[in-house]
Protein backbone atom coordinates (compact mmCIF):
# COMPACT_ATOMS: atom_id res chain seq x y z
CA MET A 1 -14.45 26.93 20.90
CA SER A 2 -14.18 30.68 20.54
CA LEU A 3 -15.41 33.20 23.26
CA ILE A 4 -18.02 34.40 21.13
CA GLY A 5 -19.28 30.77 20.51
CA THR A 6 -19.29 30.26 24.14
CA PHE A 7 -21.40 33.50 24.86
CA ILE A 8 -23.71 32.30 22.06
CA ASP A 9 -24.23 28.96 23.61
CA ILE A 10 -24.74 30.53 26.99
CA PHE A 11 -27.40 32.91 25.46
CA ASP A 12 -29.16 29.98 23.60
CA SER A 13 -29.29 28.00 26.82
CA ILE A 14 -30.95 30.68 28.64
CA PHE A 15 -33.18 32.42 26.27
CA ARG A 16 -33.83 29.80 23.56
CA ARG A 17 -33.87 26.48 25.39
CA SER A 18 -37.17 25.43 24.03
CA SER A 19 -35.86 25.70 20.47
CA PRO A 20 -35.45 22.08 18.80
CA GLU A 21 -32.17 23.22 17.17
CA VAL A 22 -30.78 24.35 20.68
CA GLN A 23 -32.04 21.09 22.30
CA ARG A 24 -30.40 18.95 19.43
CA LYS A 25 -26.98 20.90 20.08
CA GLN A 26 -27.20 20.39 23.90
CA LEU A 27 -27.97 16.65 23.34
CA LEU A 28 -25.08 16.33 21.01
CA LYS A 29 -22.65 18.01 23.54
CA LYS A 30 -23.92 15.62 26.17
CA MET A 31 -23.20 12.76 23.75
CA ASP A 32 -19.71 14.25 23.25
CA VAL A 33 -18.94 14.17 26.80
CA GLU A 34 -20.41 10.64 27.13
CA ILE A 35 -18.20 9.34 24.33
CA GLN A 36 -15.15 10.93 25.82
CA GLY A 37 -15.79 9.02 29.09
CA PHE A 38 -16.07 5.68 27.30
CA SER A 39 -13.73 3.17 29.20
CA PRO A 40 -11.75 1.95 27.56
CA MET A 41 -11.48 5.10 25.36
CA ILE A 42 -12.54 4.11 21.92
CA CYS A 43 -13.24 7.40 20.40
CA LYS A 44 -11.98 10.89 20.99
CA SER A 45 -12.44 14.26 19.10
CA GLY A 46 -13.96 12.67 16.15
CA TYR A 47 -11.33 9.92 15.78
CA LEU A 48 -11.59 6.23 16.65
CA GLN A 49 -8.88 5.20 19.04
CA PRO A 50 -6.19 2.36 18.71
CA ASN A 51 -8.35 0.58 21.38
CA PHE A 52 -11.13 0.45 18.86
CA GLY A 53 -8.71 -1.17 16.38
CA GLU A 54 -7.46 -3.68 18.88
CA ALA A 55 -11.01 -4.83 19.66
CA ILE A 56 -11.77 -5.15 15.94
CA PHE A 57 -8.58 -7.34 15.55
CA THR A 58 -9.75 -9.52 18.44
CA LEU A 59 -12.96 -10.08 16.74
CA TYR A 60 -11.37 -10.64 13.46
CA LYS A 61 -9.13 -13.53 14.91
CA ASN A 62 -11.76 -15.26 17.05
CA CYS A 63 -14.68 -14.84 14.69
CA GLY A 64 -12.60 -16.11 11.83
CA ILE A 65 -11.97 -19.41 13.70
CA LEU A 66 -15.86 -19.98 14.27
CA ASP A 67 -16.67 -18.72 10.81
CA ARG A 68 -14.78 -21.69 9.26
CA LEU A 69 -16.87 -24.15 11.37
CA PHE A 70 -20.19 -22.21 10.41
CA ILE A 71 -19.38 -22.29 6.72
CA GLU A 72 -19.26 -26.02 6.89
CA THR A 73 -22.49 -26.46 8.94
CA VAL A 74 -25.11 -23.76 9.54
CA SER A 75 -24.08 -20.98 7.06
CA THR A 76 -26.67 -19.50 4.82
CA ASN A 77 -24.76 -20.29 1.70
CA ASP A 78 -26.35 -23.77 1.81
CA LEU A 79 -29.83 -23.71 3.29
CA PRO A 80 -30.66 -27.43 3.15
CA ARG A 81 -27.37 -28.20 4.93
CA ARG A 82 -28.02 -25.47 7.46
CA HIS A 83 -31.53 -27.06 8.07
CA ARG A 84 -29.98 -30.50 8.61
CA PHE A 85 -27.62 -29.28 11.16
CA GLU A 86 -30.14 -27.11 12.92
CA ALA A 87 -32.45 -30.20 12.99
CA GLN A 88 -29.63 -32.20 14.91
CA LEU A 89 -29.57 -29.14 17.34
CA VAL A 90 -33.37 -29.39 17.80
CA ILE A 91 -33.17 -33.15 18.23
CA THR A 92 -30.76 -32.58 21.26
CA GLY A 93 -33.88 -31.35 23.09
CA TYR A 94 -35.48 -34.81 23.18
CA ASN A 95 -34.75 -37.22 25.68
CA ALA A 96 -32.86 -40.60 24.91
CA GLU A 97 -36.08 -42.49 24.41
CA ASP A 98 -37.54 -39.91 21.97
CA GLN A 99 -34.28 -39.60 20.03
CA GLU A 100 -34.32 -43.39 19.51
CA ILE A 101 -37.85 -42.66 18.09
CA VAL A 102 -36.50 -40.13 15.72
CA SER A 103 -33.83 -42.66 14.64
CA GLU A 104 -36.66 -45.31 14.09
CA LEU A 105 -38.44 -43.11 11.73
CA GLN A 106 -35.49 -42.82 9.31
CA PHE A 107 -36.04 -44.29 5.93
CA GLN A 108 -34.06 -47.55 6.04
CA ASN A 109 -35.43 -48.35 9.53
CA ARG A 110 -39.02 -47.75 8.66
CA LYS A 111 -38.69 -50.03 5.56
CA ASP A 112 -36.97 -52.76 7.58
CA ASP A 113 -39.85 -52.69 10.07
CA ILE A 114 -42.38 -53.05 7.29
CA LEU A 115 -40.55 -55.96 5.72
CA ALA A 116 -40.19 -57.74 8.97
CA GLU A 117 -44.04 -57.70 9.47
CA PHE A 118 -45.06 -57.39 5.98
CA ASN A 119 -48.36 -59.06 6.45
CA ASN A 120 -49.30 -56.48 8.97
CA SER A 121 -47.69 -53.53 7.07
CA GLU A 122 -50.81 -51.37 7.31
CA ARG A 123 -50.58 -51.66 11.15
CA ILE A 124 -46.90 -50.86 11.02
CA TYR A 125 -47.51 -47.69 8.92
CA ILE A 126 -50.14 -46.41 11.47
CA HIS A 127 -47.83 -47.20 14.29
CA GLN A 128 -44.98 -45.16 12.60
CA ARG A 129 -47.39 -42.20 12.05
CA HIS A 130 -48.39 -42.32 15.74
CA LEU A 131 -44.66 -41.97 16.67
CA LEU A 132 -44.27 -39.11 14.29
CA ASP A 133 -47.28 -37.36 15.91
CA LYS A 134 -45.69 -37.72 19.30
CA ILE A 135 -42.47 -36.25 18.18
CA LEU A 136 -44.14 -33.33 16.50
CA LYS A 137 -46.40 -32.77 19.64
CA ASP A 138 -43.37 -32.60 21.91
CA LEU A 139 -41.94 -29.52 19.95
CA ASN A 140 -44.80 -27.34 21.43
CA SER A 141 -43.04 -27.56 24.95
CA GLU A 142 -41.45 -24.71 26.64
CA GLN A 143 -38.06 -26.47 26.27
CA PHE A 144 -38.31 -26.55 22.60
CA LYS A 145 -39.39 -22.94 22.47
CA LYS A 146 -36.30 -22.02 24.27
CA ILE A 147 -34.25 -24.03 21.57
CA ASP A 148 -36.04 -21.90 18.94
CA ARG A 149 -34.70 -18.77 20.60
CA ASP A 150 -31.26 -20.28 21.00
CA ILE A 151 -31.02 -21.31 17.49
CA LEU A 152 -32.20 -17.76 16.19
CA MET A 153 -29.35 -16.34 18.34
CA LEU A 154 -26.98 -18.77 16.97
CA ARG A 155 -27.88 -17.60 13.44
CA GLN A 156 -27.14 -14.09 14.43
CA LEU A 157 -23.71 -15.23 15.79
CA VAL A 158 -23.03 -16.96 12.44
CA ASP A 159 -23.67 -13.83 10.47
CA PHE A 160 -21.53 -11.71 12.98
CA CYS A 161 -18.58 -14.16 12.61
CA HIS A 162 -19.00 -13.87 8.97
CA TYR A 163 -18.72 -10.19 8.94
CA ASN A 164 -15.79 -8.91 6.84
CA TYR A 165 -13.49 -7.22 9.49
CA VAL A 166 -10.61 -6.62 6.96
CA PRO A 167 -11.73 -3.19 5.67
CA PHE A 168 -11.93 -2.03 9.23
CA MET A 169 -8.46 -3.26 10.09
CA GLN A 170 -7.05 -1.64 7.01
CA LEU A 171 -8.35 1.83 8.27
CA PHE A 172 -6.39 1.42 11.34
CA ASP A 173 -3.34 -0.04 9.63
CA SER A 174 -2.88 0.35 5.89
CA ASN A 175 -0.36 -2.45 5.80
CA PHE A 176 -2.51 -5.05 7.33
CA VAL A 177 -2.57 -8.21 5.34
CA PRO A 178 -5.18 -10.76 6.22
CA ALA A 179 -3.34 -13.70 4.61
CA ASP A 180 -0.43 -13.29 7.04
CA SER A 181 -1.46 -14.70 10.33
CA THR A 182 1.82 -13.65 12.02
CA TYR A 183 1.36 -10.00 11.14
CA THR A 184 1.11 -7.68 14.30
CA PRO A 185 -1.01 -4.37 13.39
CA ALA A 186 0.16 -0.96 14.19
CA TYR A 187 -2.94 1.05 15.03
CA SER A 188 -3.39 4.67 14.28
CA GLU A 189 -6.40 6.89 14.84
CA VAL A 190 -9.20 6.71 12.24
CA ASP A 191 -11.53 9.63 11.35
CA VAL A 192 -14.95 8.58 12.02
CA GLY A 193 -16.15 9.97 8.86
CA LYS A 194 -14.06 7.49 6.93
CA ALA A 195 -15.51 4.57 9.02
CA ILE A 196 -19.04 5.68 9.40
CA ASN A 197 -20.49 2.97 7.04
CA LEU A 198 -18.52 0.27 8.59
CA LEU A 199 -19.67 1.33 12.00
CA GLU A 200 -23.33 1.10 10.88
CA ASP A 201 -22.69 -2.36 9.32
CA LEU A 202 -21.07 -3.56 12.53
CA TYR A 203 -23.98 -2.16 14.57
CA TYR A 204 -26.42 -3.86 12.18
CA GLN A 205 -24.96 -7.19 12.99
CA LEU A 206 -23.97 -6.63 16.64
CA TYR A 207 -27.21 -5.26 18.00
CA GLY A 208 -29.21 -7.80 20.14
CA LEU A 209 -26.48 -10.35 19.94
CA ASN A 210 -26.16 -12.32 23.24
CA ILE A 211 -23.69 -15.11 23.78
CA SER A 212 -24.95 -17.33 26.57
CA ASN A 213 -24.13 -20.72 27.91
CA SER A 214 -26.78 -22.15 25.51
CA THR A 215 -25.11 -20.58 22.57
CA GLY A 216 -21.66 -22.16 23.55
CA ALA A 217 -23.40 -25.59 23.93
CA ALA A 218 -24.67 -25.12 20.44
CA VAL A 219 -21.33 -24.21 19.02
CA LEU A 220 -19.70 -27.22 20.68
CA ALA A 221 -22.54 -29.58 19.41
CA LEU A 222 -21.80 -28.29 15.76
CA TYR A 223 -18.20 -29.07 16.20
CA ARG A 224 -19.14 -32.61 17.44
CA LEU A 225 -21.60 -33.13 14.53
CA ARG A 226 -19.12 -31.97 11.97
CA ARG A 227 -16.41 -34.33 13.17
CA CYS A 228 -18.77 -37.19 14.25
CA ALA A 229 -16.74 -37.55 17.38
CA ASP A 230 -16.37 -35.86 20.82
CA LEU A 231 -14.07 -32.96 21.40
CA GLU A 232 -10.83 -33.26 23.46
CA PRO A 233 -11.03 -31.15 26.63
CA SER A 234 -8.19 -28.77 25.12
CA GLU A 235 -10.34 -28.27 21.91
CA LYS A 236 -13.44 -27.60 24.00
CA ASN A 237 -11.67 -25.04 26.09
CA SER A 238 -10.11 -23.41 22.93
CA ILE A 239 -13.51 -22.98 21.38
CA LEU A 240 -15.13 -21.57 24.56
CA GLY A 241 -12.08 -19.32 24.75
CA ASN A 242 -12.89 -17.85 21.27
CA LEU A 243 -16.57 -17.22 22.44
CA LYS A 244 -15.52 -15.62 25.66
CA LYS A 245 -13.10 -13.25 23.96
CA ILE A 246 -15.87 -12.23 21.46
CA ASN A 247 -18.38 -11.90 24.29
CA TYR A 248 -15.93 -9.56 26.19
CA ILE A 249 -15.54 -7.32 23.31
CA ILE A 250 -19.22 -6.90 22.56
CA LYS A 251 -20.23 -6.50 26.25
CA GLN A 252 -17.16 -4.49 27.56
CA VAL A 253 -15.68 -2.65 24.67
CA LEU A 254 -17.85 -2.09 21.67
CA GLN A 255 -21.37 -2.46 23.11
CA PRO A 256 -24.14 -1.60 20.77
CA GLU A 257 -25.06 1.56 22.65
CA LYS A 258 -21.55 2.95 22.39
CA LEU A 259 -21.50 2.38 18.70
CA LYS A 260 -24.91 4.00 18.30
CA ALA A 261 -23.73 6.99 20.26
CA ILE A 262 -20.72 7.46 18.06
CA ILE A 263 -22.89 7.10 14.97
CA ARG A 264 -25.44 9.60 16.31
CA TYR A 265 -22.86 12.03 17.10
CA PHE A 266 -21.16 11.81 13.76
CA ARG A 267 -24.59 12.15 11.96
CA ALA A 268 -25.43 15.11 14.22
CA ASP A 269 -28.70 13.62 14.99
CA PRO A 270 -29.32 12.42 18.69
CA ASN A 271 -32.38 10.52 17.48
CA TYR A 272 -30.86 8.71 14.46
CA GLU A 273 -31.73 4.94 14.56
CA PRO A 274 -29.17 2.80 12.57
CA ALA A 275 -30.65 -0.32 11.01
CA VAL A 276 -30.44 -3.65 12.84
CA ALA A 277 -30.72 -7.17 11.72
CA GLN A 278 -33.98 -9.11 12.34
CA TYR A 279 -33.98 -12.74 13.11
CA THR A 280 -37.39 -14.22 12.85
CA GLY A 281 -38.92 -17.58 12.20
CA SER A 282 -39.14 -20.94 13.96
CA PRO A 283 -36.28 -23.41 13.61
CA ARG A 284 -38.41 -26.06 15.27
CA GLN A 285 -41.35 -25.47 13.09
CA GLU A 286 -38.93 -25.76 10.13
CA PHE A 287 -37.81 -29.09 11.56
CA ALA A 288 -41.39 -30.24 12.10
CA THR A 289 -42.24 -29.33 8.41
CA MET A 290 -39.18 -31.02 7.12
CA LEU A 291 -39.68 -34.10 9.35
CA GLN A 292 -43.36 -34.37 8.13
CA SER A 293 -42.39 -33.97 4.59
CA LYS A 294 -39.64 -36.61 4.68
CA PHE A 295 -42.08 -38.84 6.47
CA ASP A 296 -44.58 -38.55 3.78
CA SER A 297 -42.19 -38.90 0.91
CA ASP A 298 -40.32 -41.90 2.56
CA GLU A 299 -43.60 -43.64 2.98
CA GLN A 300 -44.39 -43.27 -0.75
CA ARG A 301 -40.82 -44.39 -1.54
CA ILE A 302 -41.07 -47.62 0.77
CA LYS A 303 -44.25 -48.65 -0.80
CA SER A 304 -42.84 -48.23 -4.26
CA GLU A 305 -39.61 -50.06 -3.59
CA ILE A 306 -41.41 -52.92 -1.96
CA GLN A 307 -43.66 -53.03 -4.87
CA ASP A 308 -40.90 -52.94 -7.41
CA GLU A 309 -38.88 -55.56 -5.40
CA LYS A 310 -41.99 -57.98 -5.49
CA LEU A 311 -42.23 -57.77 -9.19
CA THR A 312 -38.62 -58.78 -9.83
CA GLN A 313 -39.55 -62.44 -10.80
CA GLU A 314 -42.25 -61.44 -13.08
CA ILE A 315 -39.97 -58.97 -14.95
CA GLN A 316 -37.33 -61.52 -15.46
CA THR A 317 -39.94 -64.03 -16.90
CA LEU A 318 -41.13 -61.31 -19.13
CA PHE A 319 -37.66 -60.14 -20.31
CA PRO A 320 -35.57 -63.27 -19.80
CA GLU A 321 -32.62 -62.40 -22.08
CA ASN A 322 -32.07 -58.73 -21.97
CA GLY A 323 -32.31 -56.32 -19.03
CA LEU A 324 -34.65 -53.34 -18.79
CA GLU A 325 -34.13 -50.41 -21.24
CA LYS A 326 -32.64 -47.27 -19.98
CA VAL A 327 -34.81 -44.10 -19.96
CA GLN A 328 -33.08 -40.81 -20.60
CA GLY A 329 -33.61 -38.23 -17.88
CA TYR A 330 -36.31 -40.13 -15.96
CA ASN A 331 -33.93 -42.57 -14.19
CA GLN A 332 -32.62 -43.68 -10.86
CA ASP A 333 -29.35 -41.67 -11.11
CA TYR A 334 -31.12 -38.35 -11.30
CA SER A 335 -33.78 -39.51 -8.73
CA GLU A 336 -30.83 -40.22 -6.26
CA LYS A 337 -29.52 -36.65 -6.84
CA LEU A 338 -32.85 -35.35 -5.79
CA GLN A 339 -33.11 -37.66 -2.85
CA ALA A 340 -29.75 -36.66 -1.65
CA GLU A 341 -30.67 -33.08 -0.97
CA THR A 342 -34.66 -32.99 -0.92
CA PRO A 343 -37.51 -35.28 -0.03
CA LEU A 344 -38.35 -35.41 -3.79
CA SER A 345 -38.05 -38.35 -6.11
CA PHE A 346 -39.08 -39.75 -9.50
CA GLN A 347 -41.92 -42.20 -8.60
CA TRP A 348 -42.47 -44.17 -11.66
CA ILE A 349 -38.95 -45.19 -12.73
CA LEU A 350 -39.47 -49.08 -12.79
CA PRO A 351 -42.84 -49.15 -14.67
CA ILE A 352 -41.60 -46.63 -17.24
CA ARG A 353 -38.53 -48.83 -18.01
CA VAL A 354 -40.76 -52.02 -18.12
CA LEU A 355 -43.13 -50.23 -20.52
CA LYS A 356 -40.33 -48.96 -22.72
CA THR A 357 -38.74 -52.51 -22.77
CA PHE A 358 -41.91 -54.36 -23.53
CA GLU A 359 -42.79 -51.94 -26.45
CA LYS A 360 -39.43 -52.53 -27.87
CA GLN A 361 -39.43 -56.33 -27.60
CA TYR A 362 -43.09 -57.10 -27.90
CA ILE A 363 -44.03 -54.38 -30.36
CA SER A 364 -40.99 -54.91 -32.47
CA ASP A 365 -40.50 -53.65 -35.92
CA GLY A 366 -41.64 -57.00 -37.36
CA VAL A 367 -44.83 -57.07 -35.42
CA LYS A 368 -45.46 -53.44 -36.32
CA ALA A 369 -45.05 -54.32 -40.09
CA LEU A 370 -47.44 -57.27 -39.55
CA LEU A 371 -50.23 -55.14 -37.90
CA ASP A 372 -49.63 -52.43 -40.56
CA ASP A 373 -50.29 -55.18 -43.42
CA ILE A 374 -53.36 -56.20 -41.66
CA VAL A 375 -54.71 -52.78 -41.62
CA ILE A 376 -53.86 -51.95 -45.00
CA GLU A 377 -54.52 -55.27 -46.97
CA GLY A 378 -57.19 -56.76 -44.73
CA PHE A 379 -60.80 -57.37 -46.11
CA PHE A 380 -62.64 -56.34 -43.09
CA ASN A 381 -66.22 -57.45 -42.71
CA ASN A 382 -67.09 -54.30 -40.75
CA SER A 383 -65.89 -50.89 -41.75
CA THR A 384 -66.74 -49.42 -38.28
CA TYR A 385 -64.64 -52.11 -36.65
CA LYS A 386 -61.67 -51.51 -39.13
CA THR A 387 -61.64 -47.76 -38.10
CA SER A 388 -61.46 -48.68 -34.32
CA PHE A 389 -58.93 -51.42 -34.91
CA SER A 390 -56.92 -49.13 -36.97
CA GLN A 391 -56.70 -46.44 -34.29
CA ILE A 392 -55.58 -48.99 -31.72
CA VAL A 393 -52.92 -50.46 -33.91
CA TYR A 394 -51.36 -47.07 -34.88
CA ALA A 395 -51.50 -46.00 -31.27
CA ALA A 396 -49.19 -48.94 -30.57
CA ILE A 397 -47.15 -48.49 -33.56
CA ASN A 398 -46.42 -44.79 -33.01
CA ALA A 399 -45.91 -45.18 -29.28
CA ASP A 400 -42.19 -44.92 -29.49
CA GLN A 401 -42.69 -41.28 -30.67
CA ASP A 402 -44.40 -40.57 -27.27
CA PHE A 403 -41.38 -42.03 -25.48
CA TYR A 404 -38.88 -40.05 -27.64
CA ALA A 405 -40.89 -36.78 -26.80
CA PHE A 406 -40.87 -37.70 -23.02
CA GLU A 407 -37.16 -38.45 -22.86
CA ASN A 408 -36.26 -35.42 -25.00
CA SER A 409 -38.10 -33.15 -22.61
CA PHE A 410 -35.29 -33.75 -20.16
CA SER A 411 -32.68 -32.31 -22.56
CA MET A 412 -31.17 -28.89 -22.37
CA ASN A 413 -33.59 -26.07 -22.83
CA GLU A 414 -36.56 -28.37 -22.80
CA LYS A 415 -39.44 -28.09 -20.37
CA ASN A 416 -38.16 -30.83 -18.07
CA SER A 417 -34.54 -30.05 -18.39
CA ILE A 418 -32.28 -31.88 -16.03
CA ALA A 419 -29.92 -28.97 -16.14
CA VAL A 420 -32.69 -26.76 -14.76
CA MET A 421 -33.56 -29.14 -12.07
CA GLU A 422 -29.87 -29.33 -10.94
CA GLY A 423 -29.70 -25.59 -11.11
CA TYR A 424 -32.88 -25.41 -8.88
CA ILE A 425 -31.16 -27.85 -6.35
CA LYS A 426 -28.01 -25.68 -6.24
CA ASP A 427 -29.84 -22.47 -5.95
CA SER A 428 -32.18 -23.75 -3.26
CA ARG A 429 -29.32 -24.08 -1.03
CA LYS A 430 -29.34 -20.25 -0.84
CA ASP A 431 -33.01 -19.33 -1.72
CA LYS A 432 -35.85 -21.43 -0.61
CA SER A 433 -38.07 -20.27 -3.53
CA PHE A 434 -36.01 -22.34 -5.76
CA TYR A 435 -37.07 -25.35 -3.87
CA THR A 436 -40.67 -24.48 -4.63
CA ARG A 437 -40.02 -24.33 -8.27
CA LEU A 438 -38.07 -27.63 -8.12
CA GLU A 439 -40.90 -29.22 -6.25
CA LYS A 440 -43.46 -28.00 -8.77
CA MET A 441 -41.29 -29.21 -11.66
CA VAL A 442 -40.77 -32.67 -10.14
CA VAL A 443 -44.50 -33.05 -9.42
CA THR A 444 -45.15 -32.10 -13.03
CA VAL A 445 -42.64 -34.64 -14.39
CA ASN A 446 -44.23 -37.42 -12.26
CA ASN A 447 -47.66 -36.69 -13.47
CA GLU A 448 -46.41 -36.70 -17.11
CA ALA A 449 -44.63 -40.11 -16.50
CA HIS A 450 -47.81 -41.52 -14.88
CA ASN A 451 -49.97 -40.21 -17.66
CA LEU A 452 -47.61 -41.82 -20.27
CA LEU A 453 -47.95 -45.04 -18.47
CA GLN A 454 -51.73 -44.82 -18.20
CA THR A 455 -52.24 -44.01 -21.82
CA HIS A 456 -49.89 -46.62 -23.40
CA VAL A 457 -50.97 -49.43 -21.00
CA THR A 458 -54.75 -48.45 -21.89
CA ASN A 459 -53.77 -48.77 -25.61
CA LEU A 460 -51.87 -51.89 -25.27
CA TRP A 461 -54.69 -53.57 -23.31
CA ALA A 462 -57.09 -52.69 -26.12
CA LEU A 463 -54.63 -54.10 -28.71
CA HIS A 464 -54.23 -57.19 -26.50
CA LYS A 465 -57.94 -57.89 -26.74
CA GLU A 466 -58.02 -57.43 -30.56
CA LEU A 467 -54.91 -59.61 -31.13
CA GLY A 468 -56.36 -62.38 -28.98
CA GLU A 469 -59.45 -62.42 -31.00
CA LEU A 470 -57.70 -62.18 -34.37
CA LEU A 471 -55.27 -65.09 -33.39
CA ALA A 472 -58.24 -67.11 -32.32
CA ASP A 473 -60.17 -66.19 -35.37
CA ALA A 474 -57.19 -67.26 -37.62
CA LYS A 475 -57.40 -70.77 -36.25
CA LYS A 476 -61.03 -71.13 -37.41
CA PRO A 477 -61.93 -72.86 -40.92
CA SER A 478 -62.87 -69.32 -42.13
CA SER A 479 -62.28 -65.94 -40.46
CA GLU A 480 -65.14 -64.03 -39.15
CA ILE A 481 -63.41 -60.71 -38.72
CA ILE A 482 -61.13 -60.28 -41.69
CA GLN A 483 -61.84 -62.47 -44.72
CA ASN A 484 -58.05 -62.76 -45.87
CA LEU A 485 -56.61 -63.02 -42.29
CA LYS A 486 -54.96 -66.42 -42.75
CA VAL A 487 -53.47 -65.31 -46.05
CA LEU A 488 -51.98 -62.27 -44.49
CA LEU A 489 -50.69 -64.07 -41.31
CA LEU A 490 -49.14 -66.97 -43.17
CA SER A 491 -47.71 -65.14 -46.23
CA SER A 492 -44.05 -65.62 -46.78
CA ARG A 493 -43.38 -62.01 -45.64
CA ASN A 494 -45.44 -62.26 -42.49
CA LYS A 495 -45.10 -66.00 -41.43
CA ASP A 496 -42.04 -65.47 -39.15
CA ARG A 497 -43.61 -62.41 -37.68
CA THR A 498 -46.85 -64.05 -37.03
CA ASN A 499 -44.91 -66.92 -35.31
CA LEU A 500 -43.08 -64.32 -33.07
CA LEU A 501 -46.39 -62.76 -32.12
CA ASP A 502 -47.91 -65.98 -31.36
CA TYR A 503 -44.93 -67.25 -29.39
CA GLN A 504 -44.86 -63.93 -27.22
CA PHE A 505 -48.58 -63.30 -26.88
CA PRO A 506 -49.04 -65.43 -23.70
CA ASN A 507 -46.51 -63.27 -21.89
CA TRP A 508 -48.61 -60.12 -22.47
CA LYS A 509 -50.69 -61.19 -19.45
CA ILE A 510 -47.46 -61.00 -17.37
CA PHE A 511 -47.08 -57.56 -18.44
CA PHE A 512 -50.44 -56.34 -17.58
CA GLU A 513 -50.15 -58.16 -14.15
CA ILE A 514 -47.11 -55.98 -13.50
CA MET A 515 -48.69 -52.85 -14.84
CA LYS A 516 -51.90 -53.25 -12.73
CA ASN A 517 -49.78 -52.18 -9.70
CA TYR A 518 -49.18 -48.75 -11.15
CA VAL A 519 -52.15 -47.90 -13.46
CA ILE A 520 -55.81 -48.73 -13.81
CA ILE A 521 -56.56 -51.36 -16.35
CA ASN A 522 -60.37 -51.90 -17.18
CA THR A 523 -60.38 -55.61 -17.33
CA SER A 524 -64.17 -55.89 -17.35
CA ASP A 525 -65.66 -58.01 -20.13
CA VAL A 526 -67.36 -55.44 -22.31
CA LYS A 527 -69.14 -56.94 -25.25
CA ASN A 528 -67.27 -55.80 -28.55
CA GLU A 529 -68.96 -54.36 -31.44
CA GLN A 530 -70.35 -56.65 -34.11
CA LYS A 531 -67.31 -57.54 -36.25
CA LYS A 532 -69.08 -59.71 -38.91
């Protein structure tokens, strides 16, 4: 500083000390002195020193090792996976007895318990819900509140380890090559102006980070969970060594207050506040929500699977020669994809397959042609009845069009596109809002499937009643409903079709016994309209 500048500063300090600008300059000078006194020296005369570069390199090496673990466990690049691993960390807060309860609440264990005491299934369902309530209530203890804070701190460590240190290293050594693990950097001084944005990024991730014993325990737990095995003592010491080196740098060399002082001095603003990362939320509450949601969806799935398994014999009787028809889109393969990553599933797969198979085998082309002939060529004694009968018949004849529309809705660019669902599953790993969209879509699809079931079964039940009366009427000396019914049924064109319908007709009752487990069937004996 020139002699004149020195006199000006002295003058200002005596006669203009209350001036905000003078006060700002004085604070900046004080900060400059403070920065020069940092030990070890990391900044001098506006330049970051080699000590700073060495500290960054230490972080680069040790954070990189931990980052590889976090990418496979609790990284934000896959939110469902992160929640699964964090849930395991929450579970470590339970004692051995409660951890056993959590295990008992898993899907297969719950289903096995229900099957073991099937006659008392409702009591078992209630007991399981009481166990869930106990597990959820325990989450309100101080121990789990501390786990909440520990996992939030772990999330900050995860982001800190994922920070890209390479641009920083290349400022200190332009020849630095991250792919070469044997390379030894040569550090030069770096103008703070060239590194100011990187400094603020580093400060953003570093502020508030505290690596405690609990953090170390959480990291070790993640390693065990990923490997499904305990660590060797040497491995444990190596991991803790990485954490200790990182902790030394952020507590002894690159403390947040030092970084902020350098940033403020370069910005020439002693009151400048760099942005900092905020970690909020409640991992234990996320665990509770996930557990509750999975419990509810598992219960529905258990009931559906047990119900489906009970109907195996009836289905085999109904379709003795061929298996069930496949349904495009709404099938077990895609449902399992949902279940693999979410609590969601397709709920009506089996009844939809049974319905499609029944309509193909029992409302065959021959039966459809027979029914069409009756409507077109029949001499009905009551025109009102003919109208009603025709509507029932054509609802059954055209049912395959509804099925085609339903299955086609899962095609590309259609409203229930499987590709869109798979995209939502993938995107929900990084953004929870996509899970909300996926959930809404699955609920809508399940509702459409059930509406299809209800509508078709209702129509088939109405047709079943009408056919029962026609077949009985055809055995009378003269038909009371359709004058030429016998002629139509026994014509050379329709005789084989009539025999097939008459042969299959008793099995329609089996179909309705199966379907009443899934839809409402009005079996009340309502008096029909006068048909004569």
